[in-house]
Amino acid sequence: MSKITRRQFMAITGASLVAGSVKGEQLMETKTQLIHTAYFWLKNPDSIADRDQLIAGLQTLRQVPTVKVLHIGLPATTEKRDVVDNSFQVSELMMFDDLAGQSEYQAHPIHQAFVENCSHLWSKVAVKDSITV
């Protein structure tokens, strides 16, 4: 059985390690992270101006302290398959340290301002949240 380093574990799982001991036995446990993804369908899907305005709004979310990672994307031109849905115009992926961090983000004034300032741009949003295992 090979051992992996803390850095390798974090790279593989996306989780943080918390070290401790019980009766002299070294323990390692993962700290669960939350991954938040959102897909946006614009009311005017061909409007570059609307797309860019939404992207600019999403960029402001970097300022929320509990947001650890923010990736903003456009649909990739990957191979068409039944399981691929690239019908959206903009996506975002965020990472939080835990569920509490994501909850704080939802209530944060910067997120609330984003929704208020940009919700007129989209006709649909699909959100998928997951936790690391």
N, C-alpha and C. Protein backbone atom coordinates (compact mmCIF):
# COMPACT_ATOMS: atom_id res chain seq x y z
N MET A 1 0.85 -1.17 0.00
CA MET A 1 0.00 0.00 0.00
C MET A 1 0.89 1.23 0.00
N SER A 2 0.69 2.11 -0.96
CA SER A 2 1.54 3.29 -1.02
C SER A 2 0.90 4.45 -0.26
N LYS A 3 1.74 5.32 0.23
CA LYS A 3 1.27 6.50 0.94
C LYS A 3 1.27 7.67 -0.01
N ILE A 4 0.33 8.58 0.20
CA ILE A 4 0.32 9.81 -0.58
C ILE A 4 0.54 10.98 0.36
N THR A 5 1.06 12.04 -0.19
CA THR A 5 1.30 13.23 0.62
C THR A 5 0.00 14.00 0.80
N ARG A 6 0.00 14.90 1.76
CA ARG A 6 -1.15 15.78 2.00
C ARG A 6 -1.49 16.55 0.74
N ARG A 7 -0.50 17.08 0.06
CA ARG A 7 -0.72 17.85 -1.17
C ARG A 7 -1.37 16.98 -2.26
N GLN A 8 -0.88 15.75 -2.40
CA GLN A 8 -1.47 14.84 -3.39
C GLN A 8 -2.92 14.52 -3.05
N PHE A 9 -3.20 14.29 -1.76
CA PHE A 9 -4.57 14.00 -1.34
C PHE A 9 -5.49 15.17 -1.67
N MET A 10 -5.04 16.37 -1.37
CA MET A 10 -5.85 17.55 -1.63
C MET A 10 -6.08 17.73 -3.12
N ALA A 11 -5.06 17.45 -3.93
CA ALA A 11 -5.21 17.58 -5.38
C ALA A 11 -6.19 16.55 -5.93
N ILE A 12 -6.15 15.34 -5.39
CA ILE A 12 -7.03 14.27 -5.87
C ILE A 12 -8.47 14.50 -5.42
N THR A 13 -8.68 14.86 -4.17
CA THR A 13 -10.03 14.92 -3.61
C THR A 13 -10.61 16.32 -3.54
N GLY A 14 -9.77 17.34 -3.58
CA GLY A 14 -10.26 18.69 -3.39
C GLY A 14 -10.57 18.98 -1.93
N ALA A 15 -10.24 18.07 -1.04
CA ALA A 15 -10.56 18.22 0.38
C ALA A 15 -9.34 18.69 1.16
N SER A 16 -9.61 19.29 2.28
CA SER A 16 -8.55 19.67 3.21
C SER A 16 -8.41 18.55 4.23
N LEU A 17 -7.23 18.41 4.78
CA LEU A 17 -7.01 17.40 5.81
C LEU A 17 -6.93 18.05 7.17
N VAL A 18 -7.49 17.39 8.15
CA VAL A 18 -7.38 17.82 9.53
C VAL A 18 -6.72 16.67 10.27
N ALA A 19 -5.56 16.94 10.86
CA ALA A 19 -4.82 15.87 11.55
C ALA A 19 -5.18 15.88 13.02
N GLY A 20 -5.16 14.71 13.63
CA GLY A 20 -5.42 14.59 15.05
C GLY A 20 -4.93 13.25 15.54
N SER A 21 -5.15 12.96 16.81
CA SER A 21 -4.76 11.65 17.31
C SER A 21 -5.73 11.21 18.39
N VAL A 22 -5.92 9.90 18.46
CA VAL A 22 -6.74 9.29 19.50
C VAL A 22 -5.91 8.15 20.08
N LYS A 23 -5.64 8.19 21.39
CA LYS A 23 -4.83 7.17 22.05
C LYS A 23 -3.53 6.92 21.30
N GLY A 24 -2.87 7.99 20.86
CA GLY A 24 -1.59 7.89 20.20
C GLY A 24 -1.67 7.46 18.74
N GLU A 25 -2.86 7.18 18.23
CA GLU A 25 -3.00 6.75 16.84
C GLU A 25 -3.25 7.97 15.97
N GLN A 26 -2.44 8.13 14.94
CA GLN A 26 -2.55 9.27 14.03
C GLN A 26 -3.80 9.12 13.16
N LEU A 27 -4.63 10.14 13.11
CA LEU A 27 -5.85 10.13 12.30
C LEU A 27 -5.81 11.26 11.28
N MET A 28 -6.41 11.01 10.15
CA MET A 28 -6.58 12.04 9.14
C MET A 28 -8.04 12.00 8.72
N GLU A 29 -8.69 13.14 8.69
CA GLU A 29 -10.06 13.17 8.22
C GLU A 29 -10.21 14.30 7.21
N THR A 30 -11.17 14.15 6.34
CA THR A 30 -11.37 15.17 5.32
C THR A 30 -12.31 16.24 5.83
N LYS A 31 -12.10 17.43 5.37
CA LYS A 31 -13.00 18.54 5.64
C LYS A 31 -13.84 18.71 4.37
N THR A 32 -15.13 18.52 4.49
CA THR A 32 -16.02 18.53 3.33
C THR A 32 -16.12 19.92 2.71
N GLN A 33 -15.90 19.98 1.40
CA GLN A 33 -16.08 21.21 0.65
C GLN A 33 -17.38 21.14 -0.11
N LEU A 34 -17.94 22.31 -0.40
CA LEU A 34 -19.16 22.38 -1.20
C LEU A 34 -18.82 22.99 -2.55
N ILE A 35 -19.30 22.35 -3.61
CA ILE A 35 -19.12 22.85 -4.97
C ILE A 35 -20.48 23.29 -5.48
N HIS A 36 -20.55 24.52 -5.92
CA HIS A 36 -21.80 25.15 -6.36
C HIS A 36 -21.65 25.47 -7.84
N THR A 37 -22.51 24.89 -8.67
CA THR A 37 -22.47 25.19 -10.09
C THR A 37 -23.82 25.79 -10.51
N ALA A 38 -23.76 26.74 -11.40
CA ALA A 38 -24.98 27.37 -11.92
C ALA A 38 -24.83 27.53 -13.43
N TYR A 39 -25.91 27.23 -14.11
CA TYR A 39 -25.96 27.37 -15.57
C TYR A 39 -27.04 28.39 -15.89
N PHE A 40 -26.70 29.36 -16.75
CA PHE A 40 -27.61 30.46 -17.06
C PHE A 40 -28.01 30.42 -18.53
N TRP A 41 -29.31 30.53 -18.77
CA TRP A 41 -29.86 30.68 -20.11
C TRP A 41 -30.36 32.11 -20.22
N LEU A 42 -29.81 32.86 -21.16
CA LEU A 42 -30.17 34.27 -21.32
C LEU A 42 -31.52 34.42 -22.01
N LYS A 43 -32.24 35.49 -21.67
CA LYS A 43 -33.48 35.82 -22.37
C LYS A 43 -33.18 36.11 -23.83
N ASN A 44 -32.04 36.75 -24.08
CA ASN A 44 -31.59 37.06 -25.44
C ASN A 44 -30.30 36.28 -25.69
N PRO A 45 -30.41 35.00 -26.03
CA PRO A 45 -29.22 34.14 -26.11
C PRO A 45 -28.17 34.57 -27.13
N ASP A 46 -28.55 35.36 -28.11
CA ASP A 46 -27.58 35.81 -29.12
C ASP A 46 -26.94 37.16 -28.78
N SER A 47 -27.32 37.74 -27.64
CA SER A 47 -26.82 39.06 -27.26
C SER A 47 -25.47 38.95 -26.54
N ILE A 48 -24.43 39.39 -27.20
CA ILE A 48 -23.09 39.42 -26.60
C ILE A 48 -23.06 40.43 -25.45
N ALA A 49 -23.79 41.53 -25.60
CA ALA A 49 -23.84 42.55 -24.55
C ALA A 49 -24.46 41.99 -23.27
N ASP A 50 -25.56 41.24 -23.41
CA ASP A 50 -26.18 40.63 -22.23
C ASP A 50 -25.26 39.58 -21.61
N ARG A 51 -24.63 38.77 -22.45
CA ARG A 51 -23.69 37.77 -21.94
C ARG A 51 -22.57 38.43 -21.16
N ASP A 52 -21.98 39.48 -21.73
CA ASP A 52 -20.87 40.17 -21.08
C ASP A 52 -21.31 40.86 -19.79
N GLN A 53 -22.53 41.37 -19.76
CA GLN A 53 -23.05 42.00 -18.54
C GLN A 53 -23.21 40.95 -17.43
N LEU A 54 -23.70 39.77 -17.80
CA LEU A 54 -23.84 38.69 -16.82
C LEU A 54 -22.46 38.27 -16.31
N ILE A 55 -21.51 38.12 -17.20
CA ILE A 55 -20.15 37.74 -16.80
C ILE A 55 -19.55 38.78 -15.86
N ALA A 56 -19.75 40.06 -16.17
CA ALA A 56 -19.25 41.13 -15.29
C ALA A 56 -19.91 41.03 -13.91
N GLY A 57 -21.19 40.74 -13.89
CA GLY A 57 -21.88 40.57 -12.61
C GLY A 57 -21.33 39.40 -11.83
N LEU A 58 -21.10 38.28 -12.52
CA LEU A 58 -20.53 37.10 -11.85
C LEU A 58 -19.14 37.40 -11.29
N GLN A 59 -18.37 38.20 -11.99
CA GLN A 59 -17.01 38.55 -11.52
C GLN A 59 -17.07 39.22 -10.14
N THR A 60 -18.14 39.98 -9.85
CA THR A 60 -18.23 40.67 -8.55
C THR A 60 -18.32 39.68 -7.40
N LEU A 61 -18.76 38.46 -7.68
CA LEU A 61 -18.94 37.47 -6.62
C LEU A 61 -17.62 37.00 -6.03
N ARG A 62 -16.50 37.29 -6.72
CA ARG A 62 -15.17 36.97 -6.19
C ARG A 62 -14.91 37.70 -4.87
N GLN A 63 -15.61 38.79 -4.66
CA GLN A 63 -15.40 39.62 -3.47
C GLN A 63 -16.05 39.04 -2.22
N VAL A 64 -16.92 38.05 -2.37
CA VAL A 64 -17.56 37.43 -1.21
C VAL A 64 -16.50 36.58 -0.50
N PRO A 65 -16.23 36.86 0.77
CA PRO A 65 -15.12 36.19 1.46
C PRO A 65 -15.19 34.67 1.49
N THR A 66 -16.37 34.08 1.50
CA THR A 66 -16.46 32.63 1.61
C THR A 66 -16.28 31.92 0.27
N VAL A 67 -16.25 32.66 -0.83
CA VAL A 67 -16.00 32.06 -2.15
C VAL A 67 -14.50 31.79 -2.25
N LYS A 68 -14.12 30.52 -2.31
CA LYS A 68 -12.71 30.14 -2.36
C LYS A 68 -12.20 30.01 -3.78
N VAL A 69 -13.06 29.57 -4.70
CA VAL A 69 -12.71 29.42 -6.11
C VAL A 69 -13.92 29.88 -6.91
N LEU A 70 -13.68 30.62 -7.98
CA LEU A 70 -14.75 31.00 -8.91
C LEU A 70 -14.25 30.79 -10.33
N HIS A 71 -14.98 29.98 -11.08
CA HIS A 71 -14.69 29.76 -12.50
C HIS A 71 -15.94 30.15 -13.27
N ILE A 72 -15.79 31.03 -14.23
CA ILE A 72 -16.88 31.46 -15.10
C ILE A 72 -16.59 30.91 -16.48
N GLY A 73 -17.58 30.29 -17.11
CA GLY A 73 -17.33 29.65 -18.39
C GLY A 73 -18.44 29.85 -19.40
N LEU A 74 -18.11 29.50 -20.63
CA LEU A 74 -19.03 29.48 -21.76
C LEU A 74 -19.12 28.03 -22.24
N PRO A 75 -20.18 27.66 -22.94
CA PRO A 75 -20.30 26.28 -23.41
C PRO A 75 -19.11 25.89 -24.29
N ALA A 76 -18.60 24.70 -24.04
CA ALA A 76 -17.50 24.17 -24.85
C ALA A 76 -18.08 23.54 -26.11
N THR A 77 -17.30 23.53 -27.15
CA THR A 77 -17.74 22.91 -28.41
C THR A 77 -17.27 21.47 -28.46
N THR A 78 -17.66 20.72 -27.43
CA THR A 78 -17.29 19.31 -27.35
C THR A 78 -18.21 18.47 -28.24
N GLU A 79 -17.83 17.23 -28.39
CA GLU A 79 -18.60 16.29 -29.21
C GLU A 79 -20.06 16.23 -28.74
N LYS A 80 -20.99 16.25 -29.69
CA LYS A 80 -22.42 16.14 -29.35
C LYS A 80 -22.72 14.69 -28.98
N ARG A 81 -23.25 14.55 -27.76
CA ARG A 81 -23.68 13.25 -27.24
C ARG A 81 -24.96 13.47 -26.46
N ASP A 82 -25.73 12.41 -26.26
CA ASP A 82 -27.00 12.51 -25.55
C ASP A 82 -26.83 13.06 -24.12
N VAL A 83 -25.70 12.81 -23.50
CA VAL A 83 -25.50 13.21 -22.11
C VAL A 83 -24.95 14.63 -21.96
N VAL A 84 -24.61 15.28 -23.06
CA VAL A 84 -24.03 16.62 -23.01
C VAL A 84 -25.11 17.67 -23.25
N ASP A 85 -25.20 18.62 -22.34
CA ASP A 85 -26.13 19.75 -22.49
C ASP A 85 -25.31 21.02 -22.52
N ASN A 86 -25.13 21.58 -23.69
CA ASN A 86 -24.42 22.85 -23.79
C ASN A 86 -25.35 23.93 -24.34
N SER A 87 -26.63 23.85 -23.93
CA SER A 87 -27.63 24.80 -24.38
C SER A 87 -27.61 26.12 -23.60
N PHE A 88 -26.87 26.15 -22.50
CA PHE A 88 -26.77 27.37 -21.68
C PHE A 88 -25.83 28.37 -22.35
N GLN A 89 -25.85 29.62 -21.87
CA GLN A 89 -24.95 30.63 -22.42
C GLN A 89 -23.74 30.93 -21.50
N VAL A 90 -23.93 30.82 -20.18
CA VAL A 90 -22.86 31.12 -19.22
C VAL A 90 -22.99 30.14 -18.05
N SER A 91 -21.84 29.74 -17.52
CA SER A 91 -21.84 28.89 -16.32
C SER A 91 -20.89 29.47 -15.29
N GLU A 92 -21.13 29.07 -14.05
CA GLU A 92 -20.17 29.42 -12.99
C GLU A 92 -20.04 28.25 -12.05
N LEU A 93 -18.83 28.08 -11.55
CA LEU A 93 -18.53 27.04 -10.58
C LEU A 93 -17.82 27.72 -9.42
N MET A 94 -18.31 27.48 -8.23
CA MET A 94 -17.71 28.04 -7.02
C MET A 94 -17.37 26.93 -6.05
N MET A 95 -16.35 27.17 -5.26
CA MET A 95 -16.01 26.24 -4.18
C MET A 95 -16.05 26.99 -2.87
N PHE A 96 -16.64 26.32 -1.88
CA PHE A 96 -16.72 26.84 -0.52
C PHE A 96 -16.10 25.83 0.43
N ASP A 97 -15.59 26.30 1.56
CA ASP A 97 -15.00 25.39 2.54
C ASP A 97 -16.03 24.42 3.10
N ASP A 98 -17.29 24.88 3.19
CA ASP A 98 -18.32 24.04 3.80
C ASP A 98 -19.70 24.61 3.49
N LEU A 99 -20.72 23.93 3.97
CA LEU A 99 -22.10 24.35 3.75
C LEU A 99 -22.37 25.73 4.36
N ALA A 100 -21.77 25.99 5.50
CA ALA A 100 -21.96 27.29 6.15
C ALA A 100 -21.44 28.43 5.27
N GLY A 101 -20.31 28.21 4.61
CA GLY A 101 -19.75 29.23 3.71
C GLY A 101 -20.67 29.51 2.54
N GLN A 102 -21.30 28.46 2.01
CA GLN A 102 -22.24 28.64 0.91
C GLN A 102 -23.49 29.37 1.39
N SER A 103 -23.94 29.07 2.60
CA SER A 103 -25.10 29.76 3.16
C SER A 103 -24.81 31.25 3.37
N GLU A 104 -23.61 31.55 3.85
CA GLU A 104 -23.22 32.96 4.02
C GLU A 104 -23.20 33.67 2.67
N TYR A 105 -22.70 33.00 1.64
CA TYR A 105 -22.67 33.56 0.29
C TYR A 105 -24.08 33.92 -0.18
N GLN A 106 -25.04 33.01 0.03
CA GLN A 106 -26.40 33.26 -0.42
C GLN A 106 -26.98 34.53 0.18
N ALA A 107 -26.66 34.80 1.44
CA ALA A 107 -27.19 35.97 2.14
C ALA A 107 -26.33 37.22 2.00
N HIS A 108 -25.14 37.08 1.43
CA HIS A 108 -24.19 38.20 1.36
C HIS A 108 -24.73 39.33 0.46
N PRO A 109 -24.55 40.57 0.86
CA PRO A 109 -25.04 41.71 0.06
C PRO A 109 -24.51 41.74 -1.38
N ILE A 110 -23.29 41.27 -1.60
CA ILE A 110 -22.76 41.26 -2.97
C ILE A 110 -23.53 40.26 -3.83
N HIS A 111 -23.86 39.10 -3.28
CA HIS A 111 -24.66 38.13 -4.03
C HIS A 111 -26.07 38.67 -4.25
N GLN A 112 -26.64 39.28 -3.22
CA GLN A 112 -27.99 39.85 -3.36
C GLN A 112 -28.01 40.94 -4.44
N ALA A 113 -26.96 41.76 -4.50
CA ALA A 113 -26.87 42.81 -5.53
C ALA A 113 -26.73 42.21 -6.92
N PHE A 114 -25.95 41.12 -7.02
CA PHE A 114 -25.81 40.44 -8.30
C PHE A 114 -27.17 39.98 -8.81
N VAL A 115 -27.93 39.32 -7.96
CA VAL A 115 -29.26 38.82 -8.36
C VAL A 115 -30.15 39.99 -8.77
N GLU A 116 -30.14 41.05 -7.98
CA GLU A 116 -30.98 42.22 -8.28
C GLU A 116 -30.57 42.88 -9.60
N ASN A 117 -29.28 42.98 -9.86
CA ASN A 117 -28.78 43.69 -11.04
C ASN A 117 -28.76 42.85 -12.31
N CYS A 118 -28.75 41.53 -12.17
CA CYS A 118 -28.57 40.68 -13.36
C CYS A 118 -29.72 39.73 -13.66
N SER A 119 -30.64 39.53 -12.74
CA SER A 119 -31.68 38.52 -12.96
C SER A 119 -32.56 38.84 -14.16
N HIS A 120 -32.62 40.09 -14.56
CA HIS A 120 -33.42 40.44 -15.75
C HIS A 120 -32.79 39.89 -17.04
N LEU A 121 -31.54 39.45 -16.96
CA LEU A 121 -30.84 38.96 -18.15
C LEU A 121 -31.18 37.50 -18.47
N TRP A 122 -31.53 36.70 -17.47
CA TRP A 122 -31.71 35.28 -17.72
C TRP A 122 -33.17 34.86 -17.70
N SER A 123 -33.44 33.81 -18.48
CA SER A 123 -34.77 33.22 -18.49
C SER A 123 -34.82 31.97 -17.61
N LYS A 124 -33.64 31.39 -17.35
CA LYS A 124 -33.57 30.16 -16.56
C LYS A 124 -32.19 30.05 -15.92
N VAL A 125 -32.18 29.51 -14.72
CA VAL A 125 -30.93 29.18 -14.03
C VAL A 125 -31.10 27.78 -13.45
N ALA A 126 -30.11 26.93 -13.65
CA ALA A 126 -30.09 25.61 -13.03
C ALA A 126 -28.88 25.54 -12.10
N VAL A 127 -29.13 25.24 -10.84
CA VAL A 127 -28.08 25.16 -9.83
C VAL A 127 -27.93 23.72 -9.38
N LYS A 128 -26.67 23.28 -9.27
CA LYS A 128 -26.37 21.94 -8.77
C LYS A 128 -25.26 22.09 -7.74
N ASP A 129 -25.56 21.68 -6.52
CA ASP A 129 -24.60 21.74 -5.42
C ASP A 129 -24.19 20.33 -5.04
N SER A 130 -22.91 20.16 -4.73
CA SER A 130 -22.42 18.86 -4.29
C SER A 130 -21.37 19.05 -3.23
N ILE A 131 -21.13 17.99 -2.46
CA ILE A 131 -20.09 18.02 -1.44
C ILE A 131 -19.06 16.96 -1.78
N THR A 132 -17.82 17.20 -1.38
CA THR A 132 -16.76 16.24 -1.64
C THR A 132 -16.97 15.00 -0.79
N VAL A 133 -16.52 13.89 -1.31
CA VAL A 133 -16.62 12.62 -0.57
C VAL A 133 -15.24 12.05 -0.33
